[in-house]
N, C-alpha and C. Protein backbone atom coordinates (compact mmCIF):
# COMPACT_ATOMS: atom_id res chain seq x y z
N UNK A 1 0.83 -1.30 -0.16
CA UNK A 1 -0.12 0.10 0.45
C UNK A 1 0.62 0.99 0.00
N UNK A 2 0.22 2.09 -0.84
CA UNK A 2 1.28 3.07 -1.46
C UNK A 2 0.72 4.14 0.38
N UNK A 3 1.58 4.95 0.72
CA UNK A 3 1.35 5.95 1.99
C UNK A 3 1.64 7.31 2.03
N UNK A 4 2.81 7.58 0.74
CA UNK A 4 3.28 8.83 0.59
C UNK A 4 3.53 8.84 -0.94
N UNK A 5 3.12 10.03 -1.83
CA UNK A 5 3.44 10.22 -3.28
C UNK A 5 4.50 11.42 -3.04
N UNK A 6 5.61 11.13 -3.66
CA UNK A 6 6.82 12.23 -3.63
C UNK A 6 6.89 12.60 -5.12
N UNK A 7 7.32 13.94 -5.59
CA UNK A 7 7.42 14.18 -6.99
C UNK A 7 8.34 14.99 -7.13
N UNK A 8 9.63 15.11 -8.01
CA UNK A 8 10.43 15.91 -8.36
C UNK A 8 9.25 17.30 -8.45
N UNK A 9 10.44 18.01 -8.88
CA UNK A 9 9.98 19.42 -8.98
C UNK A 9 10.35 19.75 -10.78
N UNK A 10 10.97 20.12 -10.88
CA UNK A 10 11.79 20.44 -12.69
C UNK A 10 11.40 19.36 -13.44
N UNK A 11 10.49 19.67 -14.44
CA UNK A 11 10.16 18.91 -15.22
C UNK A 11 9.29 17.82 -15.06
N UNK A 12 8.74 17.82 -13.90
CA UNK A 12 7.46 17.33 -13.73
C UNK A 12 6.56 18.28 -13.30
N UNK A 13 6.30 19.02 -12.16
CA UNK A 13 5.54 20.12 -11.66
C UNK A 13 5.65 21.53 -12.39
N UNK A 14 7.11 21.76 -12.75
CA UNK A 14 7.64 23.10 -13.71
C UNK A 14 7.97 22.27 -14.13
N UNK A 15 7.96 23.14 -15.39
CA UNK A 15 8.83 22.88 -16.71
C UNK A 15 10.13 23.85 -16.45
N UNK A 16 10.61 23.53 -17.27
CA UNK A 16 11.86 24.99 -17.37
C UNK A 16 12.75 24.53 -18.73
N UNK A 17 13.18 25.93 -19.11
CA UNK A 17 13.63 25.93 -20.33
C UNK A 17 15.39 27.21 -20.43
N UNK A 18 16.13 26.51 -20.26
CA UNK A 18 17.15 26.81 -20.29
C UNK A 18 18.11 28.10 -20.92
N UNK A 19 17.44 27.85 -21.94
CA UNK A 19 17.29 28.85 -23.38
C UNK A 19 17.03 30.27 -23.22
N UNK A 20 15.94 30.20 -22.19
CA UNK A 20 15.44 31.43 -21.61
C UNK A 20 16.18 32.15 -20.84
N UNK A 21 17.64 31.73 -20.11
CA UNK A 21 18.26 32.58 -19.29
C UNK A 21 19.15 32.65 -19.98
N UNK A 22 19.73 31.41 -20.94
CA UNK A 22 20.85 32.35 -22.40
C UNK A 22 20.24 33.65 -23.05
N UNK A 23 19.14 33.30 -23.59
CA UNK A 23 18.61 34.61 -24.25
C UNK A 23 18.47 36.12 -23.53
N UNK A 24 17.96 35.88 -22.23
CA UNK A 24 18.18 37.33 -21.92
C UNK A 24 19.25 37.23 -21.17
N UNK A 25 20.51 36.95 -21.03
CA UNK A 25 21.69 37.05 -20.73
C UNK A 25 22.43 37.54 -21.74
N UNK A 26 22.29 36.96 -23.06
CA UNK A 26 22.86 37.65 -24.04
C UNK A 26 22.21 39.04 -24.72
N UNK A 27 21.05 39.03 -24.48
CA UNK A 27 20.86 40.73 -24.66
C UNK A 27 20.82 41.35 -23.80
N UNK A 28 21.20 40.77 -22.76
CA UNK A 28 21.91 41.74 -21.41
C UNK A 28 23.19 42.25 -21.98
N UNK A 29 24.38 41.33 -22.44
CA UNK A 29 25.85 41.53 -22.82
C UNK A 29 26.06 40.64 -23.71
N UNK A 30 26.01 40.97 -24.64
CA UNK A 30 26.36 40.13 -26.06
C UNK A 30 27.18 39.26 -25.99
N UNK A 31 26.90 37.76 -25.94
CA UNK A 31 27.64 36.44 -26.07
C UNK A 31 27.46 36.08 -24.32
N UNK A 32 27.01 36.87 -23.22
CA UNK A 32 27.03 36.60 -21.97
C UNK A 32 26.23 35.18 -21.61
N UNK A 33 25.13 34.84 -22.35
CA UNK A 33 24.66 34.02 -21.78
C UNK A 33 25.44 32.59 -22.56
N UNK A 34 25.52 32.71 -24.10
CA UNK A 34 26.36 31.60 -24.77
C UNK A 34 27.89 31.14 -24.04
N UNK A 35 28.60 32.33 -23.00
CA UNK A 35 29.65 32.16 -22.21
C UNK A 35 29.42 30.79 -21.25
N UNK A 36 28.29 31.58 -21.00
CA UNK A 36 28.14 31.40 -19.31
C UNK A 36 27.22 29.46 -19.25
N UNK A 37 26.75 29.02 -20.27
CA UNK A 37 26.25 28.23 -20.80
C UNK A 37 27.78 27.37 -21.05
N UNK A 38 27.99 27.37 -21.99
CA UNK A 38 29.49 26.77 -22.43
C UNK A 38 30.63 26.76 -20.73
N UNK A 39 30.31 27.68 -20.12
CA UNK A 39 31.60 27.35 -18.44
C UNK A 39 30.23 26.65 -17.79
N UNK A 40 29.21 26.03 -17.67
CA UNK A 40 28.54 25.15 -17.14
C UNK A 40 28.86 23.80 -17.43
N UNK A 41 28.86 24.20 -18.96
CA UNK A 41 28.90 22.54 -19.39
C UNK A 41 30.26 21.77 -18.98
N UNK A 42 31.02 22.42 -18.91
CA UNK A 42 32.74 21.90 -18.68
C UNK A 42 33.10 22.04 -17.30
N UNK A 43 31.99 22.91 -16.49
CA UNK A 43 32.19 23.27 -14.55
C UNK A 43 30.98 22.91 -14.78
N UNK A 44 30.75 21.54 -14.58
CA UNK A 44 29.64 20.81 -14.10
C UNK A 44 29.65 20.27 -12.46
N UNK A 45 30.69 20.97 -12.27
CA UNK A 45 30.67 20.85 -10.52
C UNK A 45 30.56 22.15 -10.01
N UNK A 46 30.14 23.39 -10.19
CA UNK A 46 30.08 24.13 -9.26
C UNK A 46 28.64 24.03 -9.41
N UNK A 47 27.60 23.84 -10.30
CA UNK A 47 26.13 23.76 -10.32
C UNK A 47 25.76 22.57 -9.04
N UNK A 48 26.76 21.45 -9.47
CA UNK A 48 26.40 20.06 -7.97
C UNK A 48 27.07 20.87 -6.64
N UNK A 49 27.53 21.31 -6.32
CA UNK A 49 27.91 22.06 -5.74
C UNK A 49 27.30 23.28 -5.03
N UNK A 50 26.49 23.72 -6.00
CA UNK A 50 25.14 24.71 -5.43
C UNK A 50 24.04 24.02 -5.43
N UNK A 51 23.94 22.93 -5.96
CA UNK A 51 22.94 22.54 -5.63
C UNK A 51 22.91 21.47 -3.76
N UNK A 52 24.12 21.12 -3.80
CA UNK A 52 24.73 20.39 -2.18
C UNK A 52 24.33 21.45 -1.20
N UNK A 53 24.12 22.77 -1.51
CA UNK A 53 24.41 23.71 -0.46
C UNK A 53 26.06 23.41 0.07
N UNK A 54 27.34 23.22 -1.13
CA UNK A 54 28.07 23.17 -0.45
C UNK A 54 29.19 24.15 -1.09
N UNK A 55 28.61 25.12 -1.27
CA UNK A 55 28.79 26.16 -2.56
C UNK A 55 27.56 27.68 -2.34
N UNK A 56 27.80 29.04 -1.94
CA UNK A 56 27.21 30.00 -1.46
C UNK A 56 26.78 30.59 -2.26
N UNK A 57 25.37 31.23 -2.58
CA UNK A 57 25.25 32.29 -3.63
C UNK A 57 25.99 33.02 -4.19
N UNK A 58 26.72 33.73 -2.69
CA UNK A 58 27.88 35.11 -3.51
C UNK A 58 29.11 34.02 -3.98
N UNK A 59 29.87 33.31 -3.24
CA UNK A 59 30.35 32.71 -4.17
C UNK A 59 30.40 31.83 -5.42
N UNK A 60 29.08 31.72 -5.26
CA UNK A 60 28.53 31.31 -6.98
C UNK A 60 28.97 32.69 -7.76
N UNK A 61 28.24 33.42 -7.33
CA UNK A 61 28.35 34.95 -8.11
C UNK A 61 30.03 35.48 -8.83
N UNK A 62 30.80 35.54 -7.50
CA UNK A 62 31.91 35.79 -7.60
C UNK A 62 33.08 35.29 -8.57
N UNK A 63 32.42 33.84 -8.84
CA UNK A 63 32.89 32.47 -9.89
C UNK A 63 32.39 33.04 -10.97
N UNK A 64 31.31 33.66 -11.49
CA UNK A 64 30.87 34.11 -12.68
C UNK A 64 31.72 35.54 -13.22
N UNK A 65 31.30 36.15 -11.95
CA UNK A 65 32.26 37.24 -12.52
C UNK A 65 33.64 37.84 -13.01
N UNK A 66 34.52 36.85 -12.27
CA UNK A 66 36.11 36.33 -12.34
C UNK A 66 35.75 36.35 -13.78
N UNK A 67 34.79 34.67 -14.01
CA UNK A 67 35.52 34.17 -14.92
C UNK A 67 34.92 35.36 -16.43
N UNK A 68 34.13 35.77 -16.68
CA UNK A 68 33.78 36.77 -17.44
C UNK A 68 33.73 38.26 -17.46
N UNK A 69 34.37 38.58 -16.46
CA UNK A 69 34.65 40.09 -16.10
C UNK A 69 33.20 41.30 -16.56
N UNK A 70 31.92 40.64 -16.78
CA UNK A 70 30.86 41.70 -17.21
C UNK A 70 30.91 42.48 -15.81
N UNK A 71 29.84 42.90 -16.21
CA UNK A 71 29.38 44.33 -15.32
C UNK A 71 27.69 44.02 -14.79
N UNK A 72 27.34 43.23 -15.10
CA UNK A 72 25.91 42.65 -14.57
C UNK A 72 26.22 42.33 -13.24
N UNK A 73 25.11 42.85 -12.34
CA UNK A 73 24.77 42.37 -11.12
C UNK A 73 24.09 41.26 -10.16
N UNK A 74 24.27 41.30 -8.72
CA UNK A 74 23.85 40.17 -8.61
C UNK A 74 22.54 39.40 -8.62
N UNK A 75 21.37 40.37 -8.52
CA UNK A 75 20.25 40.46 -8.55
C UNK A 75 19.87 40.25 -9.68
N UNK A 76 20.05 40.70 -10.93
CA UNK A 76 20.14 40.25 -12.33
C UNK A 76 20.23 39.01 -12.46
N UNK A 77 21.83 38.95 -12.41
CA UNK A 77 22.23 37.42 -12.93
C UNK A 77 21.49 36.46 -11.82
N UNK A 78 21.14 36.25 -10.95
CA UNK A 78 20.34 35.76 -10.47
C UNK A 78 19.29 35.17 -10.86
N UNK A 79 18.11 36.35 -11.29
CA UNK A 79 16.81 36.44 -11.58
C UNK A 79 17.23 35.69 -13.24
N UNK A 80 18.19 36.33 -14.02
CA UNK A 80 18.23 35.65 -15.29
C UNK A 80 18.60 34.20 -15.17
N UNK A 81 19.06 33.68 -14.07
CA UNK A 81 19.46 32.37 -13.80
C UNK A 81 18.09 31.46 -13.45
N UNK A 82 17.08 31.93 -13.33
CA UNK A 82 16.24 31.45 -12.43
C UNK A 82 14.51 31.55 -12.86
N UNK A 83 14.60 32.76 -13.74
CA UNK A 83 13.36 33.13 -14.34
C UNK A 83 12.96 31.86 -15.39
N UNK A 84 13.33 30.54 -15.32
CA UNK A 84 13.30 29.45 -16.39
C UNK A 84 12.00 28.63 -16.24
N UNK A 85 11.15 28.96 -15.49
CA UNK A 85 10.51 27.94 -15.04
C UNK A 85 8.94 27.92 -15.50
N UNK A 86 8.53 27.16 -15.46
CA UNK A 86 6.73 27.57 -16.06
C UNK A 86 5.45 26.29 -15.10
N UNK A 87 4.58 26.73 -14.74
CA UNK A 87 3.86 25.70 -14.13
C UNK A 87 3.26 24.41 -15.14
N UNK A 88 3.19 23.41 -14.56
CA UNK A 88 2.67 22.29 -15.32
C UNK A 88 1.25 21.89 -14.72
N UNK A 89 0.27 23.33 -14.74
CA UNK A 89 -1.01 23.30 -14.15
C UNK A 89 -1.84 21.83 -14.83
N UNK A 90 -1.53 21.53 -15.75
CA UNK A 90 -2.12 19.91 -16.24
C UNK A 90 -2.22 19.20 -14.47
N UNK A 91 -0.91 19.03 -14.12
CA UNK A 91 -0.84 17.90 -12.93
C UNK A 91 -0.79 19.02 -12.11
N UNK A 92 -0.70 20.33 -11.60
CA UNK A 92 -0.60 20.60 -10.75
C UNK A 92 -1.75 20.87 -9.34
N UNK A 93 -2.82 21.02 -10.51
CA UNK A 93 -4.28 21.21 -10.49
C UNK A 93 -4.85 19.97 -9.82
N UNK A 94 -4.08 18.76 -9.85
CA UNK A 94 -4.72 17.42 -9.05
C UNK A 94 -4.36 17.51 -7.98
N UNK A 95 -3.58 18.37 -7.71
CA UNK A 95 -2.88 17.84 -6.14
C UNK A 95 -3.88 18.16 -4.81
N UNK A 96 -4.83 19.43 -5.07
CA UNK A 96 -5.63 18.89 -4.04
C UNK A 96 -6.06 17.56 -3.60
N UNK A 97 -6.74 16.85 -4.43
CA UNK A 97 -7.13 15.75 -4.77
C UNK A 97 -6.33 14.07 -4.40
N UNK A 98 -5.04 14.71 -4.81
CA UNK A 98 -4.16 13.78 -4.26
C UNK A 98 -3.98 13.51 -2.82
N UNK A 99 -3.67 14.93 -2.38
CA UNK A 99 -3.33 15.10 -1.08
C UNK A 99 -4.75 14.64 -0.06
N UNK A 100 -5.81 14.63 -0.45
CA UNK A 100 -6.93 13.75 0.36
C UNK A 100 -6.48 12.42 0.14
N UNK A 101 -5.50 11.84 -0.21
CA UNK A 101 -5.46 10.23 -0.60
C UNK A 101 -4.47 10.00 0.12
N UNK A 102 -3.49 10.95 0.50
CA UNK A 102 -2.16 10.52 1.56
C UNK A 102 -1.29 11.51 1.41
N UNK A 103 -0.21 12.01 2.41
CA UNK A 103 0.48 13.11 2.32
C UNK A 103 1.64 13.10 0.89
N UNK A 104 1.50 14.43 0.34
CA UNK A 104 2.76 14.52 -0.48
C UNK A 104 3.71 15.11 -0.54
N UNK A 105 4.82 14.62 -1.06
CA UNK A 105 6.01 15.71 -0.83
C UNK A 105 6.76 15.85 -2.30
N UNK A 106 7.57 16.92 -2.65
CA UNK A 106 8.87 17.13 -3.29
C UNK A 106 10.21 16.73 -3.08
N UNK A 107 10.82 15.92 -3.55
CA UNK A 107 12.34 15.69 -3.75
C UNK A 107 12.73 16.07 -4.84
N UNK A 108 14.03 17.31 -4.73
CA UNK A 108 14.48 17.52 -5.69
C UNK A 108 15.90 18.04 -6.14
N UNK A 109 16.61 17.97 -6.78
CA UNK A 109 17.93 18.71 -6.95
C UNK A 109 17.61 20.10 -7.65
N UNK A 110 17.67 20.90 -6.63
CA UNK A 110 17.63 22.31 -6.72
C UNK A 110 18.61 22.94 -5.82
N UNK A 111 18.74 24.22 -6.16
CA UNK A 111 19.32 25.44 -5.04
C UNK A 111 19.06 26.47 -4.51
N UNK A 112 19.56 27.09 -3.70
CA UNK A 112 18.37 28.18 -3.35
C UNK A 112 18.45 29.13 -3.82
N UNK A 113 19.03 29.51 -5.20
CA UNK A 113 18.70 30.72 -5.83
C UNK A 113 17.93 30.62 -6.95
N UNK A 114 17.61 29.29 -7.28
CA UNK A 114 16.55 28.72 -8.03
C UNK A 114 15.21 28.78 -6.74
N UNK A 115 15.33 28.93 -5.65
CA UNK A 115 14.00 29.24 -5.06
C UNK A 115 13.90 30.30 -4.66
N UNK A 116 14.40 30.69 -4.32
CA UNK A 116 14.14 32.10 -4.06
C UNK A 116 14.09 33.10 -5.36
N UNK A 117 14.43 33.05 -6.52
CA UNK A 117 14.19 34.14 -7.55
C UNK A 117 13.38 33.06 -8.65
N UNK A 118 13.38 32.17 -8.07
CA UNK A 118 12.52 31.86 -9.54
C UNK A 118 11.08 30.41 -9.18
N UNK A 119 11.10 29.60 -8.33
CA UNK A 119 9.78 28.81 -8.11
C UNK A 119 9.31 28.95 -6.77
N UNK A 120 9.91 29.45 -5.75
CA UNK A 120 9.18 30.10 -4.75
C UNK A 120 7.91 30.42 -4.51
N UNK A 121 7.69 31.16 -5.89
CA UNK A 121 6.31 31.88 -5.97
C UNK A 121 4.47 30.72 -5.97
N UNK A 122 4.96 29.58 -6.68
CA UNK A 122 4.17 28.66 -6.85
C UNK A 122 3.35 28.52 -5.93
N UNK A 123 1.74 28.84 -5.82
CA UNK A 123 0.95 28.87 -4.85
C UNK A 123 0.35 27.54 -4.75
N UNK A 124 1.09 26.27 -5.82
CA UNK A 124 0.32 25.24 -5.78
C UNK A 124 1.37 24.03 -4.40
N UNK A 125 2.43 24.89 -3.96
CA UNK A 125 3.39 24.54 -2.97
C UNK A 125 2.85 24.16 -1.81
N UNK A 126 1.75 24.81 -1.60
CA UNK A 126 1.31 24.84 -0.18
C UNK A 126 0.62 23.51 -0.17
N UNK A 127 0.33 22.36 -1.05
CA UNK A 127 -0.19 21.50 -1.06
C UNK A 127 0.81 20.17 -0.12
N UNK A 128 2.01 20.40 -0.15
CA UNK A 128 3.27 19.38 0.07
C UNK A 128 2.97 19.50 1.39
N UNK A 129 3.62 18.85 2.40
CA UNK A 129 3.73 18.19 3.45
C UNK A 129 4.43 18.43 3.57
N UNK A 130 5.83 18.29 2.95
CA UNK A 130 7.28 18.28 3.35
C UNK A 130 7.65 18.11 1.65
N UNK A 131 9.19 19.82 1.40
CA UNK A 131 9.94 19.63 0.75
C UNK A 131 11.44 19.63 0.92
N UNK A 132 11.70 18.40 0.42
CA UNK A 132 13.15 17.48 0.17
C UNK A 132 14.18 18.40 -0.81
N UNK A 133 14.54 19.35 0.01
CA UNK A 133 15.67 19.89 -1.31
C UNK A 133 17.13 19.60 -1.11
N UNK A 134 17.87 19.20 -2.12
CA UNK A 134 19.36 19.03 -2.41
C UNK A 134 19.69 19.83 -1.05
N UNK A 135 19.65 20.85 -1.35
CA UNK A 135 21.20 22.34 -1.05
C UNK A 135 20.64 21.91 0.53
N UNK A 136 19.43 21.82 1.07
CA UNK A 136 19.52 21.39 2.05
C UNK A 136 19.59 20.49 2.76
N UNK A 137 19.49 19.25 1.88
CA UNK A 137 19.95 17.83 2.72
C UNK A 137 21.67 17.87 2.21
N UNK A 138 22.04 18.47 1.39
CA UNK A 138 23.79 17.83 1.34
C UNK A 138 24.09 17.09 0.69
N UNK A 139 22.83 16.21 -0.20
CA UNK A 139 23.14 14.96 -1.24
C UNK A 139 22.23 15.73 -2.55
N UNK A 140 22.37 14.65 -3.50
CA UNK A 140 21.79 15.10 -4.92
C UNK A 140 21.46 13.48 -5.60
N UNK A 141 20.36 13.49 -6.21
CA UNK A 141 19.95 12.52 -6.59
C UNK A 141 20.93 12.22 -7.93
N UNK A 142 21.38 10.74 -8.20
CA UNK A 142 21.25 9.92 -7.83
C UNK A 142 21.90 8.80 -6.76
N UNK A 143 22.47 9.67 -5.98
CA UNK A 143 23.45 9.98 -4.59
C UNK A 143 22.28 8.64 -3.54
N UNK A 144 22.16 7.71 -2.99
CA UNK A 144 21.56 6.60 -2.08
C UNK A 144 21.41 7.46 -1.11
N UNK A 145 22.13 8.28 -0.70
CA UNK A 145 21.97 8.64 1.11
C UNK A 145 20.53 9.59 0.22
N UNK A 146 20.83 10.72 -0.51
CA UNK A 146 19.48 11.56 -0.40
C UNK A 146 17.71 10.30 -0.36
N UNK A 147 18.15 9.51 -0.67
CA UNK A 147 16.58 8.95 -0.76
C UNK A 147 16.18 8.37 0.72
N UNK A 148 17.67 7.79 1.10
CA UNK A 148 17.55 6.82 2.61
C UNK A 148 17.25 8.53 3.77
N UNK A 149 17.39 9.46 3.70
CA UNK A 149 17.16 10.39 3.95
C UNK A 149 15.54 11.01 4.34
N UNK A 150 14.98 10.76 3.18
CA UNK A 150 13.51 11.01 2.92
C UNK A 150 12.86 9.89 3.26
N UNK A 151 13.53 8.62 3.32
CA UNK A 151 12.31 7.59 3.98
C UNK A 151 12.71 7.28 5.43
N UNK A 152 13.75 8.05 5.33
CA UNK A 152 14.25 7.84 7.40
C UNK A 152 13.23 9.53 7.66
N UNK A 153 13.26 10.65 7.30
CA UNK A 153 12.55 11.19 7.72
C UNK A 153 10.89 11.00 7.87
N UNK A 154 10.32 10.16 6.65
CA UNK A 154 9.27 9.71 6.17
C UNK A 154 8.67 8.50 7.53
N UNK A 155 9.56 8.19 7.74
CA UNK A 155 9.57 6.80 8.88
C UNK A 155 8.31 6.22 8.04
N UNK A 156 8.84 5.69 6.78
CA UNK A 156 8.06 4.55 6.27
C UNK A 156 8.72 3.66 5.68
N UNK A 157 8.36 2.37 5.27
CA UNK A 157 9.23 1.68 4.55
C UNK A 157 8.82 2.13 2.93
N UNK A 158 9.89 1.89 2.35
CA UNK A 158 10.72 2.26 0.98
C UNK A 158 9.40 1.26 0.23
N UNK A 159 8.94 0.65 0.29
CA UNK A 159 7.66 0.01 -0.31
C UNK A 159 6.25 0.57 -0.35
N UNK A 160 6.47 1.68 0.30
CA UNK A 160 5.06 2.94 0.72
C UNK A 160 5.60 3.63 0.12
N UNK A 161 6.52 4.03 -0.53
CA UNK A 161 6.68 5.23 -0.89
C UNK A 161 6.72 5.21 -2.81
N UNK A 162 5.62 6.13 -2.82
CA UNK A 162 5.76 6.09 -4.80
C UNK A 162 6.40 7.80 -5.32
N UNK A 163 7.59 7.19 -5.46
CA UNK A 163 8.30 8.61 -6.42
C UNK A 163 8.41 8.80 -8.39
N UNK A 164 8.11 10.07 -8.24
CA UNK A 164 7.92 10.28 -9.61
C UNK A 164 8.87 11.32 -10.17
N UNK A 165 9.68 11.09 -11.28
CA UNK A 165 10.70 11.63 -11.90
C UNK A 165 11.05 11.53 -13.18
N UNK A 166 11.56 12.73 -13.90
CA UNK A 166 11.72 12.73 -15.26
C UNK A 166 12.90 12.24 -15.81
N UNK A 167 14.11 11.69 -14.92
CA UNK A 167 15.29 11.39 -15.30
C UNK A 167 15.40 10.11 -15.13
N UNK A 168 15.99 9.35 -15.84
CA UNK A 168 15.63 7.63 -15.56
C UNK A 168 16.46 6.81 -14.47
N UNK A 169 17.77 7.88 -14.68
CA UNK A 169 18.84 7.54 -13.86
C UNK A 169 17.89 7.46 -12.48
N UNK A 170 17.81 8.81 -11.84
CA UNK A 170 16.77 8.76 -10.35
C UNK A 170 16.00 7.71 -10.06
N UNK A 171 15.04 8.02 -11.53
CA UNK A 171 13.59 6.40 -11.16
C UNK A 171 15.06 5.74 -11.08
N UNK A 172 15.86 5.29 -11.21
CA UNK A 172 16.59 3.45 -11.46
C UNK A 172 17.01 3.65 -9.59
N UNK A 173 17.33 4.48 -9.33
CA UNK A 173 18.28 5.44 -8.34
C UNK A 173 16.94 4.62 -7.01
N UNK A 174 16.05 5.43 -7.21
CA UNK A 174 14.82 5.45 -6.00
C UNK A 174 14.24 3.31 -6.06
N UNK A 175 14.28 2.93 -7.20
CA UNK A 175 13.87 1.77 -7.31
C UNK A 175 15.09 0.55 -6.72
N UNK A 176 16.27 1.56 -6.62
CA UNK A 176 17.27 0.45 -5.91
C UNK A 176 17.36 0.42 -4.42
N UNK A 177 16.51 1.61 -4.13
CA UNK A 177 16.49 1.38 -2.65
C UNK A 177 14.93 0.77 -1.89
N UNK A 178 13.97 0.45 -3.00
CA UNK A 178 13.52 0.08 -2.69
C UNK A 178 12.10 0.45 -3.25
N UNK A 179 11.80 2.14 -3.40
CA UNK A 179 10.94 2.64 -3.59
C UNK A 179 10.35 2.18 -4.83
N UNK A 180 8.88 2.03 -5.14
CA UNK A 180 8.09 2.43 -6.47
C UNK A 180 8.70 3.62 -7.09
N UNK A 181 8.32 3.60 -8.26
CA UNK A 181 9.22 4.91 -8.88
C UNK A 181 8.38 5.02 -10.31
N UNK A 182 8.26 5.63 -10.67
CA UNK A 182 7.52 6.39 -12.54
C UNK A 182 8.71 6.98 -13.07
N UNK A 183 8.80 7.17 -13.98
CA UNK A 183 9.63 7.77 -14.60
C UNK A 183 8.24 8.84 -15.37
N UNK A 184 8.29 10.02 -15.41
CA UNK A 184 7.40 11.48 -15.72
C UNK A 184 7.52 11.12 -17.14
N UNK A 185 7.20 10.95 -18.53
CA UNK A 185 7.07 11.27 -19.93
C UNK A 185 5.60 12.36 -20.29
N UNK A 186 4.92 12.17 -19.93
CA UNK A 186 3.51 13.50 -20.26
C UNK A 186 2.53 13.45 -19.19
N UNK A 187 1.21 14.29 -18.74
CA UNK A 187 0.96 14.28 -17.89
C UNK A 187 0.07 12.89 -17.99
N UNK A 188 -0.66 12.45 -19.21
CA UNK A 188 -1.47 11.60 -19.73
C UNK A 188 -0.98 10.20 -19.25
N UNK A 189 0.10 10.23 -19.48
CA UNK A 189 1.07 8.92 -19.11
C UNK A 189 0.96 8.33 -18.08
N UNK A 190 1.25 9.47 -17.29
CA UNK A 190 1.39 9.31 -15.50
C UNK A 190 -0.21 8.62 -14.92
N UNK A 191 -0.77 9.63 -15.65
CA UNK A 191 -2.57 9.07 -15.03
C UNK A 191 -2.89 8.01 -15.47
N UNK A 192 -2.24 7.49 -16.52
CA UNK A 192 -2.45 5.80 -16.99
C UNK A 192 -1.59 4.90 -15.68
N UNK A 193 -0.27 5.29 -15.65
CA UNK A 193 0.65 4.78 -14.66
C UNK A 193 0.11 4.41 -13.08
N UNK A 194 -0.83 6.27 -12.62
CA UNK A 194 -1.16 6.17 -11.25
C UNK A 194 -2.07 4.89 -11.04
N UNK A 195 -2.99 4.38 -11.94
CA UNK A 195 -4.03 3.93 -11.66
C UNK A 195 -3.83 2.76 -11.06
N UNK A 196 -2.28 2.27 -11.99
CA UNK A 196 -2.02 0.87 -11.59
C UNK A 196 -1.54 0.53 -10.06
N UNK A 197 -1.51 2.01 -9.48
CA UNK A 197 -1.14 2.23 -8.09
C UNK A 197 -2.85 2.37 -6.96
N UNK A 198 -3.83 2.19 -8.40
CA UNK A 198 -5.01 2.44 -7.95
C UNK A 198 -5.82 4.17 -7.00
N UNK A 199 -4.15 5.30 -8.00
CA UNK A 199 -4.76 6.46 -7.96
C UNK A 199 -5.71 7.01 -9.24
N UNK A 200 -6.52 7.53 -9.52
CA UNK A 200 -7.86 7.57 -10.34
C UNK A 200 -7.73 9.37 -10.51
N UNK A 201 -6.95 9.82 -11.01
CA UNK A 201 -6.98 11.52 -11.16
C UNK A 201 -7.55 11.74 -11.99
N UNK A 202 -8.07 11.05 -13.17
CA UNK A 202 -9.25 11.40 -14.73
C UNK A 202 -10.44 11.54 -14.38
């Protein structure tokens, strides 16, 4: 029996488009968005450290300033970095119905900049009993520790959890610790797969 339903955030509850950030930064300072995008591709660890809470927003900003010698200020950069989200309203409007069935939580690889400047505004977040955020936990998916942290915090057996994520590696990692897990591909497919767990949202 499922006792708690856990959602990923990005590209499940909210879609994101990094190209929006690139375009806005390019408009602010010619080529800045493309350069920062290339920098992140070759320095992925800076994002991972940010998502693990091991890198402060201030140091993150200073690293960007140092690397690109741009006049961009911190608030402007953080807004460009974060204004990339749009709500999956087809799914989020189902949350009140789901919450009547059992507790619901979020488990997300995210950072404090995206939270404060990007997705904190969404009112659907009020339906969640708990937000498990990587930068607060100190681990990121697909690390086993983050799943065990969530499981222990909820005080449930792994087989009592149903998890939804759009990234296959993260779904597989959840299954490895004993969770039920669904790979999100579309709202329609998700609603069909939830019926296998006796959750009818249509």
